[in-house]
């Protein structure tokens, strides 16, 4: 089942930060699309809720060095 979540993520300062978040999340099985924006401090993620859950997605972002609020 495809789900979508808009997460508030702080610590992204540039396009490189966006790419870091995007690359890390795209490596997770079940993540279908990632749209990060450092300007709005948001990451929009579409994912298969049967394969991956929101806690795992948040953990990947945190491990990449950013804070999920």
PDB file of N, CA and C in Angstrom:
ATOM      1  N   UNK A   1       0.846  -1.180   0.000  1.00  0.00           N
ATOM      2  CA  UNK A   1       0.000   0.000   0.000  1.00  0.00           C
ATOM      3  C   UNK A   1       0.897   1.251   0.000  1.00  0.00           C
ATOM      4  N   UNK A   2       0.712   2.109  -0.990  1.00  0.00           N
ATOM      5  CA  UNK A   2       1.513   3.317  -1.087  1.00  0.00           C
ATOM      6  C   UNK A   2       1.016   4.360  -0.095  1.00  0.00           C
ATOM      7  N   UNK A   3       1.974   4.892   0.666  1.00  0.00           N
ATOM      8  CA  UNK A   3       1.679   5.946   1.629  1.00  0.00           C
ATOM      9  C   UNK A   3       2.563   7.139   1.326  1.00  0.00           C
ATOM     10  N   UNK A   4       2.159   8.297   1.815  1.00  0.00           N
ATOM     11  CA  UNK A   4       2.943   9.510   1.630  1.00  0.00           C
ATOM     12  C   UNK A   4       3.046  10.233   2.966  1.00  0.00           C
ATOM     13  N   UNK A   5       4.225  10.809   3.212  1.00  0.00           N
ATOM     14  CA  UNK A   5       4.421  11.556   4.451  1.00  0.00           C
ATOM     15  C   UNK A   5       5.264  12.790   4.153  1.00  0.00           C
ATOM     16  N   UNK A   6       4.900  13.897   4.791  1.00  0.00           N
ATOM     17  CA  UNK A   6       5.695  15.113   4.718  1.00  0.00           C
ATOM     18  C   UNK A   6       6.312  15.316   6.096  1.00  0.00           C
ATOM     19  N   UNK A   7       7.649  15.221   6.138  1.00  0.00           N
ATOM     20  CA  UNK A   7       8.368  15.314   7.406  1.00  0.00           C
ATOM     21  C   UNK A   7       9.090  16.650   7.504  1.00  0.00           C
ATOM     22  N   UNK A   8       9.078  17.231   8.692  1.00  0.00           N
ATOM     23  CA  UNK A   8       9.862  18.433   8.947  1.00  0.00           C
ATOM     24  C   UNK A   8      11.256  17.980   9.359  1.00  0.00           C
ATOM     25  N   UNK A   9      12.247  18.393   8.564  1.00  0.00           N
ATOM     26  CA  UNK A   9      13.628  17.972   8.793  1.00  0.00           C
ATOM     27  C   UNK A   9      14.504  19.211   8.919  1.00  0.00           C
ATOM     28  N   UNK A  10      15.197  19.329  10.034  1.00  0.00           N
ATOM     29  CA  UNK A  10      16.087  20.476  10.226  1.00  0.00           C
ATOM     30  C   UNK A  10      17.532  20.024  10.069  1.00  0.00           C
ATOM     31  N   UNK A  11      18.366  20.973   9.700  1.00  0.00           N
ATOM     32  CA  UNK A  11      19.785  20.700   9.524  1.00  0.00           C
ATOM     33  C   UNK A  11      20.218  20.698   8.070  1.00  0.00           C
ATOM     34  N   UNK A  12      19.257  20.637   7.150  1.00  0.00           N
ATOM     35  CA  UNK A  12      19.603  20.706   5.724  1.00  0.00           C
ATOM     36  C   UNK A  12      19.898  22.167   5.386  1.00  0.00           C
ATOM     37  N   UNK A  13      21.081  22.437   4.842  1.00  0.00           N
ATOM     38  CA  UNK A  13      21.499  23.808   4.564  1.00  0.00           C
ATOM     39  C   UNK A  13      21.684  24.102   3.076  1.00  0.00           C
ATOM     40  N   UNK A  14      21.710  23.044   2.234  1.00  0.00           N
ATOM     41  CA  UNK A  14      22.026  23.258   0.827  1.00  0.00           C
ATOM     42  C   UNK A  14      21.544  22.071  -0.010  1.00  0.00           C
ATOM     43  N   UNK A  15      21.787  22.172  -1.304  1.00  0.00           N
ATOM     44  CA  UNK A  15      21.420  21.093  -2.212  1.00  0.00           C
ATOM     45  C   UNK A  15      22.164  19.802  -1.914  1.00  0.00           C
ATOM     46  N   UNK A  16      23.391  19.924  -1.415  1.00  0.00           N
ATOM     47  CA  UNK A  16      24.148  18.730  -1.040  1.00  0.00           C
ATOM     48  C   UNK A  16      23.475  17.973   0.092  1.00  0.00           C
ATOM     49  N   UNK A  17      22.931  18.717   1.031  1.00  0.00           N
ATOM     50  CA  UNK A  17      22.190  18.092   2.138  1.00  0.00           C
ATOM     51  C   UNK A  17      20.950  17.377   1.606  1.00  0.00           C
ATOM     52  N   UNK A  18      20.254  18.034   0.678  1.00  0.00           N
ATOM     53  CA  UNK A  18      19.084  17.408   0.062  1.00  0.00           C
ATOM     54  C   UNK A  18      19.477  16.096  -0.610  1.00  0.00           C
ATOM     55  N   UNK A  19      20.581  16.121  -1.360  1.00  0.00           N
ATOM     56  CA  UNK A  19      21.041  14.914  -2.042  1.00  0.00           C
ATOM     57  C   UNK A  19      21.418  13.818  -1.061  1.00  0.00           C
ATOM     58  N   UNK A  20      22.010  14.193   0.060  1.00  0.00           N
ATOM     59  CA  UNK A  20      22.372  13.229   1.090  1.00  0.00           C
ATOM     60  C   UNK A  20      21.130  12.507   1.617  1.00  0.00           C
ATOM     61  N   UNK A  21      20.106  13.274   1.950  1.00  0.00           N
ATOM     62  CA  UNK A  21      18.857  12.694   2.451  1.00  0.00           C
ATOM     63  C   UNK A  21      18.231  11.810   1.375  1.00  0.00           C
ATOM     64  N   UNK A  22      18.174  12.321   0.155  1.00  0.00           N
ATOM     65  CA  UNK A  22      17.541  11.586  -0.944  1.00  0.00           C
ATOM     66  C   UNK A  22      18.258  10.268  -1.222  1.00  0.00           C
ATOM     67  N   UNK A  23      19.580  10.314  -1.295  1.00  0.00           N
ATOM     68  CA  UNK A  23      20.370   9.110  -1.579  1.00  0.00           C
ATOM     69  C   UNK A  23      20.186   8.058  -0.499  1.00  0.00           C
ATOM     70  N   UNK A  24      20.236   8.475   0.757  1.00  0.00           N
ATOM     71  CA  UNK A  24      20.071   7.533   1.870  1.00  0.00           C
ATOM     72  C   UNK A  24      18.683   6.907   1.887  1.00  0.00           C
ATOM     73  N   UNK A  25      17.661   7.703   1.630  1.00  0.00           N
ATOM     74  CA  UNK A  25      16.299   7.160   1.650  1.00  0.00           C
ATOM     75  C   UNK A  25      16.016   6.271   0.436  1.00  0.00           C
ATOM     76  N   UNK A  26      16.559   6.623  -0.716  1.00  0.00           N
ATOM     77  CA  UNK A  26      16.316   5.807  -1.909  1.00  0.00           C
ATOM     78  C   UNK A  26      16.951   4.421  -1.788  1.00  0.00           C
ATOM     79  N   UNK A  27      17.926   4.281  -0.894  1.00  0.00           N
ATOM     80  CA  UNK A  27      18.572   2.983  -0.682  1.00  0.00           C
ATOM     81  C   UNK A  27      17.719   2.048   0.174  1.00  0.00           C
ATOM     82  N   UNK A  28      16.652   2.565   0.764  1.00  0.00           N
ATOM     83  CA  UNK A  28      15.786   1.776   1.637  1.00  0.00           C
ATOM     84  C   UNK A  28      14.723   1.076   0.791  1.00  0.00           C
ATOM     85  N   UNK A  29      14.635  -0.242   0.962  1.00  0.00           N
ATOM     86  CA  UNK A  29      13.626  -1.000   0.226  1.00  0.00           C
ATOM     87  C   UNK A  29      12.233  -0.520   0.602  1.00  0.00           C
ATOM     88  N   UNK A  30      11.412  -0.262  -0.398  1.00  0.00           N
ATOM     89  CA  UNK A  30      10.048   0.190  -0.168  1.00  0.00           C
ATOM     90  C   UNK A  30       9.858   1.683  -0.360  1.00  0.00           C
ATOM     91  N   UNK A  31      10.949   2.450  -0.352  1.00  0.00           N
ATOM     92  CA  UNK A  31      10.845   3.887  -0.594  1.00  0.00           C
ATOM     93  C   UNK A  31      10.729   4.103  -2.101  1.00  0.00           C
ATOM     94  N   UNK A  32       9.668   4.785  -2.517  1.00  0.00           N
ATOM     95  CA  UNK A  32       9.384   4.951  -3.942  1.00  0.00           C
ATOM     96  C   UNK A  32       9.832   6.294  -4.484  1.00  0.00           C
ATOM     97  N   UNK A  33       9.670   7.357  -3.717  1.00  0.00           N
ATOM     98  CA  UNK A  33      10.150   8.668  -4.152  1.00  0.00           C
ATOM     99  C   UNK A  33      10.465   9.537  -2.947  1.00  0.00           C
ATOM    100  N   UNK A  34      11.425  10.439  -3.154  1.00  0.00           N
ATOM    101  CA  UNK A  34      11.867  11.339  -2.090  1.00  0.00           C
ATOM    102  C   UNK A  34      12.020  12.728  -2.691  1.00  0.00           C
ATOM    103  N   UNK A  35      11.386  13.727  -2.071  1.00  0.00           N
ATOM    104  CA  UNK A  35      11.517  15.111  -2.517  1.00  0.00           C
ATOM    105  C   UNK A  35      11.908  15.970  -1.314  1.00  0.00           C
ATOM    106  N   UNK A  36      13.221  16.202  -1.135  1.00  0.00           N
ATOM    107  CA  UNK A  36      13.656  17.039  -0.026  1.00  0.00           C
ATOM    108  C   UNK A  36      13.738  18.517  -0.426  1.00  0.00           C
ATOM    109  N   UNK A  37      13.531  19.401   0.537  1.00  0.00           N
ATOM    110  CA  UNK A  37      13.674  20.840   0.297  1.00  0.00           C
ATOM    111  C   UNK A  37      14.296  21.489   1.529  1.00  0.00           C
ATOM    112  N   UNK A  38      15.539  21.953   1.382  1.00  0.00           N
ATOM    113  CA  UNK A  38      16.177  22.614   2.517  1.00  0.00           C
ATOM    114  C   UNK A  38      15.545  23.970   2.777  1.00  0.00           C
ATOM    115  N   UNK A  39      14.970  24.591   1.743  1.00  0.00           N
ATOM    116  CA  UNK A  39      14.358  25.913   1.915  1.00  0.00           C
ATOM    117  C   UNK A  39      13.118  25.852   2.796  1.00  0.00           C
ATOM    118  N   UNK A  40      12.348  24.775   2.685  1.00  0.00           N
ATOM    119  CA  UNK A  40      11.135  24.652   3.499  1.00  0.00           C
ATOM    120  C   UNK A  40      11.317  23.690   4.670  1.00  0.00           C
ATOM    121  N   UNK A  41      12.540  23.125   4.814  1.00  0.00           N
ATOM    122  CA  UNK A  41      12.815  22.148   5.878  1.00  0.00           C
ATOM    123  C   UNK A  41      11.842  20.978   5.845  1.00  0.00           C
ATOM    124  N   UNK A  42      11.536  20.506   4.628  1.00  0.00           N
ATOM    125  CA  UNK A  42      10.611  19.385   4.488  1.00  0.00           C
ATOM    126  C   UNK A  42      11.187  18.305   3.589  1.00  0.00           C
ATOM    127  N   UNK A  43      10.771  17.077   3.877  1.00  0.00           N
ATOM    128  CA  UNK A  43      11.062  15.948   3.008  1.00  0.00           C
ATOM    129  C   UNK A  43       9.739  15.222   2.777  1.00  0.00           C
ATOM    130  N   UNK A  44       9.347  15.114   1.518  1.00  0.00           N
ATOM    131  CA  UNK A  44       8.141  14.378   1.156  1.00  0.00           C
ATOM    132  C   UNK A  44       8.589  12.999   0.690  1.00  0.00           C
ATOM    133  N   UNK A  45       8.042  11.967   1.321  1.00  0.00           N
ATOM    134  CA  UNK A  45       8.430  10.587   1.009  1.00  0.00           C
ATOM    135  C   UNK A  45       7.189   9.797   0.635  1.00  0.00           C
ATOM    136  N   UNK A  46       7.264   9.087  -0.487  1.00  0.00           N
ATOM    137  CA  UNK A  46       6.242   8.116  -0.847  1.00  0.00           C
ATOM    138  C   UNK A  46       6.867   6.743  -0.668  1.00  0.00           C
ATOM    139  N   UNK A  47       6.144   5.852   0.000  1.00  0.00           N
ATOM    140  CA  UNK A  47       6.716   4.551   0.327  1.00  0.00           C
ATOM    141  C   UNK A  47       5.640   3.481   0.403  1.00  0.00           C
ATOM    142  N   UNK A  48       6.092   2.237   0.309  1.00  0.00           N
ATOM    143  CA  UNK A  48       5.205   1.086   0.439  1.00  0.00           C
ATOM    144  C   UNK A  48       5.110   0.746   1.923  1.00  0.00           C
ATOM    145  N   UNK A  49       3.975   1.026   2.502  1.00  0.00           N
ATOM    146  CA  UNK A  49       3.769   0.811   3.934  1.00  0.00           C
ATOM    147  C   UNK A  49       3.833  -0.645   4.355  1.00  0.00           C
ATOM    148  N   UNK A  50       3.728  -1.564   3.393  1.00  0.00           N
ATOM    149  CA  UNK A  50       3.841  -2.987   3.705  1.00  0.00           C
ATOM    150  C   UNK A  50       5.302  -3.423   3.787  1.00  0.00           C
ATOM    151  N   UNK A  51       6.210  -2.599   3.240  1.00  0.00           N
ATOM    152  CA  UNK A  51       7.631  -2.949   3.188  1.00  0.00           C
ATOM    153  C   UNK A  51       8.453  -2.168   4.199  1.00  0.00           C
ATOM    154  N   UNK A  52       8.146  -0.892   4.381  1.00  0.00           N
ATOM    155  CA  UNK A  52       8.916  -0.029   5.275  1.00  0.00           C
ATOM    156  C   UNK A  52       7.957   0.864   6.059  1.00  0.00           C
ATOM    157  N   UNK A  53       8.325   1.189   7.299  1.00  0.00           N
ATOM    158  CA  UNK A  53       7.447   2.049   8.090  1.00  0.00           C
ATOM    159  C   UNK A  53       8.086   3.421   8.306  1.00  0.00           C
ATOM    160  N   UNK A  54       7.297   4.324   8.806  1.00  0.00           N
ATOM    161  CA  UNK A  54       7.731   5.710   8.996  1.00  0.00           C
ATOM    162  C   UNK A  54       8.864   5.820  10.012  1.00  0.00           C
ATOM    163  N   UNK A  55       8.867   4.968  11.027  1.00  0.00           N
ATOM    164  CA  UNK A  55       9.947   5.008  12.016  1.00  0.00           C
ATOM    165  C   UNK A  55      11.299   4.698  11.372  1.00  0.00           C
ATOM    166  N   UNK A  56      11.317   3.750  10.451  1.00  0.00           N
ATOM    167  CA  UNK A  56      12.558   3.414   9.745  1.00  0.00           C
ATOM    168  C   UNK A  56      13.018   4.580   8.889  1.00  0.00           C
ATOM    169  N   UNK A  57      12.097   5.227   8.209  1.00  0.00           N
ATOM    170  CA  UNK A  57      12.423   6.386   7.363  1.00  0.00           C
ATOM    171  C   UNK A  57      13.011   7.509   8.220  1.00  0.00           C
ATOM    172  N   UNK A  58      12.387   7.778   9.352  1.00  0.00           N
ATOM    173  CA  UNK A  58      12.892   8.816  10.254  1.00  0.00           C
ATOM    174  C   UNK A  58      14.281   8.463  10.770  1.00  0.00           C
ATOM    175  N   UNK A  59      14.499   7.197  11.072  1.00  0.00           N
ATOM    176  CA  UNK A  59      15.790   6.743  11.573  1.00  0.00           C
ATOM    177  C   UNK A  59      16.890   6.943  10.532  1.00  0.00           C
ATOM    178  N   UNK A  60      16.595   6.664   9.271  1.00  0.00           N
ATOM    179  CA  UNK A  60      17.576   6.846   8.196  1.00  0.00           C
ATOM    180  C   UNK A  60      17.958   8.321   8.074  1.00  0.00           C
ATOM    181  N   UNK A  61      16.979   9.202   8.171  1.00  0.00           N
ATOM    182  CA  UNK A  61      17.251  10.642   8.093  1.00  0.00           C
ATOM    183  C   UNK A  61      18.126  11.077   9.269  1.00  0.00           C
ATOM    184  N   UNK A  62      17.816  10.582  10.462  1.00  0.00           N
ATOM    185  CA  UNK A  62      18.591  10.914  11.652  1.00  0.00           C
ATOM    186  C   UNK A  62      20.024  10.396  11.532  1.00  0.00           C
ATOM    187  N   UNK A  63      20.180   9.180  11.039  1.00  0.00           N
ATOM    188  CA  UNK A  63      21.518   8.598  10.862  1.00  0.00           C
ATOM    189  C   UNK A  63      22.331   9.370   9.825  1.00  0.00           C
ATOM    190  N   UNK A  64      21.655  10.050   8.903  1.00  0.00           N
ATOM    191  CA  UNK A  64      22.346  10.865   7.900  1.00  0.00           C
ATOM    192  C   UNK A  64      22.805  12.200   8.485  1.00  0.00           C
ATOM    193  N   UNK A  65      22.412  12.493   9.730  1.00  0.00           N
ATOM    194  CA  UNK A  65      22.893  13.689  10.410  1.00  0.00           C
ATOM    195  C   UNK A  65      21.899  14.821  10.522  1.00  0.00           C
ATOM    196  N   UNK A  66      20.628  14.522  10.294  1.00  0.00           N
ATOM    197  CA  UNK A  66      19.605  15.574  10.330  1.00  0.00           C
ATOM    198  C   UNK A  66      18.581  15.239  11.418  1.00  0.00           C
ATOM    199  N   UNK A  67      17.770  16.223  11.786  1.00  0.00           N
ATOM    200  CA  UNK A  67      16.784  16.050  12.847  1.00  0.00           C
ATOM    201  C   UNK A  67      15.381  16.047  12.249  1.00  0.00           C
ATOM    202  N   UNK A  68      14.622  15.023  12.612  1.00  0.00           N
ATOM    203  CA  UNK A  68      13.226  14.941  12.185  1.00  0.00           C
ATOM    204  C   UNK A  68      12.369  15.440  13.340  1.00  0.00           C
ATOM    205  N   UNK A  69      11.529  16.440  13.075  1.00  0.00           N
ATOM    206  CA  UNK A  69      10.692  17.000  14.135  1.00  0.00           C
ATOM    207  C   UNK A  69       9.276  16.471  14.051  1.00  0.00           C
TER     208      UNK A  69
END
